[in-house]
């Protein structure tokens, strides 16, 4: 087996892991998965974008130089299996990835068929975010500590390589977002608005998994600060974007 094929497959198979999101255990593979491996010629980054619905998994694989759609994909008994073709240095490869998700980590095995010879590798990845994962309009639900429920809309756009956005609610109206960023696989943004005659500062941090968003926010209202949970659903997406670390 040529060394270059082994190196490329090692780059495909191996990944780095990070801390998982402290939440109820999540097994659904929907979302963006990223891993990276340096085999001596610089790091190779890979991205797998998955969407699960009714036992079927769709999406694509992208290693920066080659992007290919998943041809077959299933999710059963909390495990998923996807298959796709890949070409490298003129060689046609058939790739099968199986894995099991626990919150924001993924582990499993990759089988690569190279001319009838099957290479097997252990595989680890972590949740990441692409710009395309976050742009669009999100309907949020915020559960305040005093039991009130707020349902603002947040619209995020990419303009000239920078993320911007707008916060809109029936209680306070429309305000521009600030510090809209993807950091460590999370979406972060801030907004300062007027609420009951006082200045209210909100800082959001959440994970996007497909069309769902969940996380926590920190607030400061007239010197009173605290935290609250929020969730959201994307109701309109925009096509854009490259990966963010």
Protein backbone atom coordinates (compact mmCIF):
# COMPACT_ATOMS: atom_id res chain seq x y z
CA UNK A 1 0.00 0.00 0.00
CA UNK A 2 1.51 3.39 -1.00
CA UNK A 3 2.64 5.48 1.95
CA UNK A 4 0.69 8.49 0.70
CA UNK A 5 -2.57 6.51 0.91
CA UNK A 6 -1.80 5.39 4.46
CA UNK A 7 -1.00 8.98 5.42
CA UNK A 8 -4.18 10.31 3.88
CA UNK A 9 -6.27 7.65 5.59
CA UNK A 10 -4.60 8.39 8.92
CA UNK A 11 -5.52 12.03 8.44
CA UNK A 12 -9.08 10.97 7.69
CA UNK A 13 -9.30 8.68 10.67
CA UNK A 14 -7.64 10.45 13.59
CA UNK A 15 -8.93 13.45 15.46
CA UNK A 16 -8.61 15.64 18.49
CA UNK A 17 -11.25 15.79 21.21
CA UNK A 18 -12.41 18.55 23.49
CA UNK A 19 -14.64 18.83 26.53
CA UNK A 20 -18.26 17.82 26.06
CA UNK A 21 -21.18 20.14 26.66
CA UNK A 22 -22.60 19.51 30.11
CA UNK A 23 -26.19 18.68 29.25
CA UNK A 24 -28.56 15.75 28.95
CA UNK A 25 -26.91 13.03 26.92
CA UNK A 26 -27.38 13.54 23.19
CA UNK A 27 -27.04 10.63 20.74
CA UNK A 28 -28.40 12.19 17.53
CA UNK A 29 -25.52 12.68 15.03
CA UNK A 30 -27.12 15.75 13.44
CA UNK A 31 -24.64 18.60 13.22
CA UNK A 32 -21.11 19.42 12.10
CA UNK A 33 -18.18 17.22 13.15
CA UNK A 34 -14.53 18.21 12.81
CA UNK A 35 -11.18 16.55 13.36
CA UNK A 36 -7.56 17.26 12.48
CA UNK A 37 -4.36 15.25 12.17
CA UNK A 38 -0.77 16.21 11.38
CA UNK A 39 1.20 13.39 9.82
CA UNK A 40 4.38 15.40 9.18
CA UNK A 41 3.39 17.53 6.21
CA UNK A 42 1.08 19.92 8.01
CA UNK A 43 -2.35 19.38 9.58
CA UNK A 44 -5.23 18.03 7.53
CA UNK A 45 -8.67 19.19 8.66
CA UNK A 46 -11.79 17.17 7.92
CA UNK A 47 -15.45 18.08 8.30
CA UNK A 48 -18.49 15.82 8.30
CA UNK A 49 -21.91 17.49 8.18
CA UNK A 50 -24.80 15.18 9.11
CA UNK A 51 -28.57 15.47 9.24
CA UNK A 52 -30.70 12.69 10.71
CA UNK A 53 -34.41 12.21 10.02
CA UNK A 54 -36.49 9.07 10.51
CA UNK A 55 -33.51 6.73 10.60
CA UNK A 56 -31.83 8.16 7.50
CA UNK A 57 -28.61 10.17 7.59
CA UNK A 58 -27.65 12.62 4.84
CA UNK A 59 -24.90 15.22 4.47
CA UNK A 60 -21.38 15.53 3.13
CA UNK A 61 -17.68 15.05 3.86
CA UNK A 62 -15.09 17.78 3.16
CA UNK A 63 -11.31 17.64 3.70
CA UNK A 64 -10.53 21.03 2.15
CA UNK A 65 -9.51 19.65 -1.22
CA UNK A 66 -12.31 17.17 -1.83
CA UNK A 67 -16.00 17.46 -0.99
CA UNK A 68 -18.38 14.55 -1.53
CA UNK A 69 -21.99 13.82 -0.63
CA UNK A 70 -22.98 10.90 1.56
CA UNK A 71 -24.48 8.19 -0.65
CA UNK A 72 -25.93 5.97 2.07
CA UNK A 73 -26.57 6.74 5.72
CA UNK A 74 -28.50 5.16 8.59
CA UNK A 75 -29.05 5.75 12.31
CA UNK A 76 -30.15 2.79 14.41
CA UNK A 77 -29.72 1.74 18.04
CA UNK A 78 -27.95 5.04 18.80
CA UNK A 79 -25.27 4.37 16.18
CA UNK A 80 -24.87 5.79 12.68
CA UNK A 81 -23.25 4.50 9.51
CA UNK A 82 -22.47 6.61 6.44
CA UNK A 83 -20.84 5.69 3.12
CA UNK A 84 -19.32 7.84 0.38
CA UNK A 85 -16.78 7.65 -2.46
CA UNK A 86 -13.49 9.52 -2.29
CA UNK A 87 -10.74 10.01 -4.87
CA UNK A 88 -7.10 10.51 -3.94
CA UNK A 89 -4.18 10.70 -6.37
CA UNK A 90 -6.32 9.12 -9.06
CA UNK A 91 -7.40 6.20 -6.87
CA UNK A 92 -11.08 5.52 -6.22
CA UNK A 93 -11.77 4.85 -2.54
CA UNK A 94 -14.96 3.71 -0.83
CA UNK A 95 -15.29 5.01 2.70
CA UNK A 96 -17.57 3.79 5.50
CA UNK A 97 -17.74 5.66 8.79
CA UNK A 98 -19.60 4.30 11.77
CA UNK A 99 -19.85 6.09 15.05
CA UNK A 100 -21.65 6.76 18.30
CA UNK A 101 -22.34 10.23 19.62
CA UNK A 102 -22.27 11.27 23.25
CA UNK A 103 -23.19 14.95 23.49
CA UNK A 104 -20.42 16.78 21.63
CA UNK A 105 -18.00 13.91 21.10
CA UNK A 106 -18.02 11.18 18.53
CA UNK A 107 -16.05 7.95 18.29
CA UNK A 108 -16.15 4.96 16.00
CA UNK A 109 -14.35 3.30 13.12
CA UNK A 110 -13.52 4.16 9.51
CA UNK A 111 -13.26 1.43 6.86
CA UNK A 112 -11.60 2.40 3.59
CA UNK A 113 -11.76 0.08 0.59
CA UNK A 114 -8.76 0.65 -1.68
CA UNK A 115 -8.93 -1.71 -4.63
CA UNK A 116 -10.38 -4.51 -2.52
CA UNK A 117 -8.04 -4.02 0.44
CA UNK A 118 -9.84 -2.64 3.48
CA UNK A 119 -8.03 -0.35 5.93
CA UNK A 120 -9.55 0.17 9.35
CA UNK A 121 -8.95 3.10 11.70
CA UNK A 122 -10.30 4.23 15.04
CA UNK A 123 -12.00 7.59 14.72
CA UNK A 124 -12.69 10.48 17.09
CA UNK A 125 -14.22 13.89 16.34
CA UNK A 126 -15.84 16.81 18.10
CA UNK A 127 -18.70 19.11 17.29
CA UNK A 128 -17.78 22.21 15.36
CA UNK A 129 -19.63 25.00 13.63
CA UNK A 130 -19.59 26.35 10.10
CA UNK A 131 -20.85 29.80 9.25
CA UNK A 132 -23.64 28.06 7.34
CA UNK A 133 -24.69 26.38 10.62
CA UNK A 134 -25.58 29.69 12.25
CA UNK A 135 -26.72 32.18 9.59
CA UNK A 136 -30.46 32.61 9.24
CA UNK A 137 -33.39 33.43 11.52
CA UNK A 138 -33.72 31.72 14.88
CA UNK A 139 -36.82 31.69 17.07
CA UNK A 140 -35.53 31.66 20.64
CA UNK A 141 -37.16 30.71 23.91
CA UNK A 142 -35.63 32.29 27.03
CA UNK A 143 -36.66 31.02 30.46
CA UNK A 144 -35.94 33.77 32.98
CA UNK A 145 -35.19 33.00 36.66
CA UNK A 146 -38.51 34.54 37.74
CA UNK A 147 -40.49 32.18 35.53
CA UNK A 148 -41.14 34.51 32.61
CA UNK A 149 -40.74 33.18 29.09
CA UNK A 150 -39.50 35.42 26.27
CA UNK A 151 -39.59 34.47 22.57
CA UNK A 152 -37.39 36.86 20.56
CA UNK A 153 -36.13 36.29 17.04
CA UNK A 154 -32.45 36.56 16.21
CA UNK A 155 -31.32 36.93 12.61
CA UNK A 156 -27.64 36.32 11.83
CA UNK A 157 -25.96 37.23 8.54
CA UNK A 158 -22.48 37.12 7.09
CA UNK A 159 -21.34 40.37 5.47
CA UNK A 160 -17.86 40.81 4.02
CA UNK A 161 -16.54 37.88 6.02
CA UNK A 162 -17.99 39.11 9.31
CA UNK A 163 -21.01 37.88 11.26
CA UNK A 164 -23.66 40.46 12.13
CA UNK A 165 -27.19 40.20 13.42
CA UNK A 166 -30.40 41.64 14.83
CA UNK A 167 -32.36 40.85 18.01
CA UNK A 168 -36.11 41.47 17.70
CA UNK A 169 -38.88 40.95 20.26
CA UNK A 170 -42.37 42.25 20.94
CA UNK A 171 -41.28 43.41 24.42
CA UNK A 172 -38.37 45.68 23.43
CA UNK A 173 -38.26 46.00 19.65
CA UNK A 174 -35.22 45.61 17.40
CA UNK A 175 -31.55 45.94 18.38
CA UNK A 176 -28.28 45.17 16.62
CA UNK A 177 -26.16 42.30 17.88
CA UNK A 178 -22.52 42.83 18.77
CA UNK A 179 -19.54 40.46 19.12
CA UNK A 180 -21.15 37.80 16.92
CA UNK A 181 -18.56 35.03 16.75
CA UNK A 182 -18.00 31.31 16.43
CA UNK A 183 -15.57 30.34 19.18
CA UNK A 184 -14.57 26.82 20.27
CA UNK A 185 -17.49 25.30 18.39
CA UNK A 186 -20.04 27.63 19.98
CA UNK A 187 -22.06 30.59 18.73
CA UNK A 188 -21.58 33.73 20.83
CA UNK A 189 -23.27 37.12 20.56
CA UNK A 190 -24.21 40.07 22.72
CA UNK A 191 -26.98 42.68 22.70
CA UNK A 192 -27.68 45.77 24.81
CA UNK A 193 -31.31 46.94 24.93
CA UNK A 194 -33.77 49.00 26.92
CA UNK A 195 -36.11 47.06 29.23
CA UNK A 196 -38.58 48.66 31.66
CA UNK A 197 -36.62 51.90 31.46
CA UNK A 198 -33.30 50.26 32.28
CA UNK A 199 -30.34 49.07 30.23
CA UNK A 200 -30.28 45.30 29.84
CA UNK A 201 -27.10 43.57 28.66
CA UNK A 202 -27.37 40.01 27.35
CA UNK A 203 -24.49 37.68 26.45
CA UNK A 204 -25.46 34.46 24.64
CA UNK A 205 -23.40 31.29 24.19
CA UNK A 206 -24.88 28.19 22.61
CA UNK A 207 -24.41 25.06 20.53
CA UNK A 208 -26.10 24.65 17.16
CA UNK A 209 -27.00 21.10 16.19
CA UNK A 210 -28.65 21.15 12.80
CA UNK A 211 -31.70 23.40 13.08
CA UNK A 212 -31.64 23.42 16.91
CA UNK A 213 -29.77 25.81 19.21
CA UNK A 214 -29.34 25.56 23.00
CA UNK A 215 -27.20 27.25 25.60
CA UNK A 216 -27.01 29.82 28.36
CA UNK A 217 -27.05 33.58 28.59
CA UNK A 218 -25.70 36.00 31.15
CA UNK A 219 -27.69 39.14 31.88
CA UNK A 220 -27.13 42.42 33.68
CA UNK A 221 -30.15 44.61 34.40
CA UNK A 222 -29.58 47.76 36.43
CA UNK A 223 -26.75 46.09 38.36
CA UNK A 224 -28.64 42.84 38.90
CA UNK A 225 -26.89 39.99 37.11
CA UNK A 226 -27.52 36.30 36.62
CA UNK A 227 -27.85 33.45 34.15
CA UNK A 228 -30.68 31.84 32.21
CA UNK A 229 -31.11 29.02 29.73
CA UNK A 230 -32.29 29.46 26.18
CA UNK A 231 -33.16 27.26 23.23
CA UNK A 232 -33.96 27.99 19.63
CA UNK A 233 -35.09 26.66 16.29
CA UNK A 234 -33.89 27.93 12.92
CA UNK A 235 -36.87 28.83 10.77
CA UNK A 236 -34.96 30.25 7.84
CA UNK A 237 -31.43 29.44 6.76
CA UNK A 238 -29.07 31.18 4.36
CA UNK A 239 -26.52 29.44 2.16
CA UNK A 240 -23.01 30.64 2.93
CA UNK A 241 -19.88 29.99 4.73
CA UNK A 242 -16.68 28.36 5.62
CA UNK A 243 -15.50 26.63 8.75
CA UNK A 244 -14.66 28.55 11.89
CA UNK A 245 -12.34 27.17 14.53
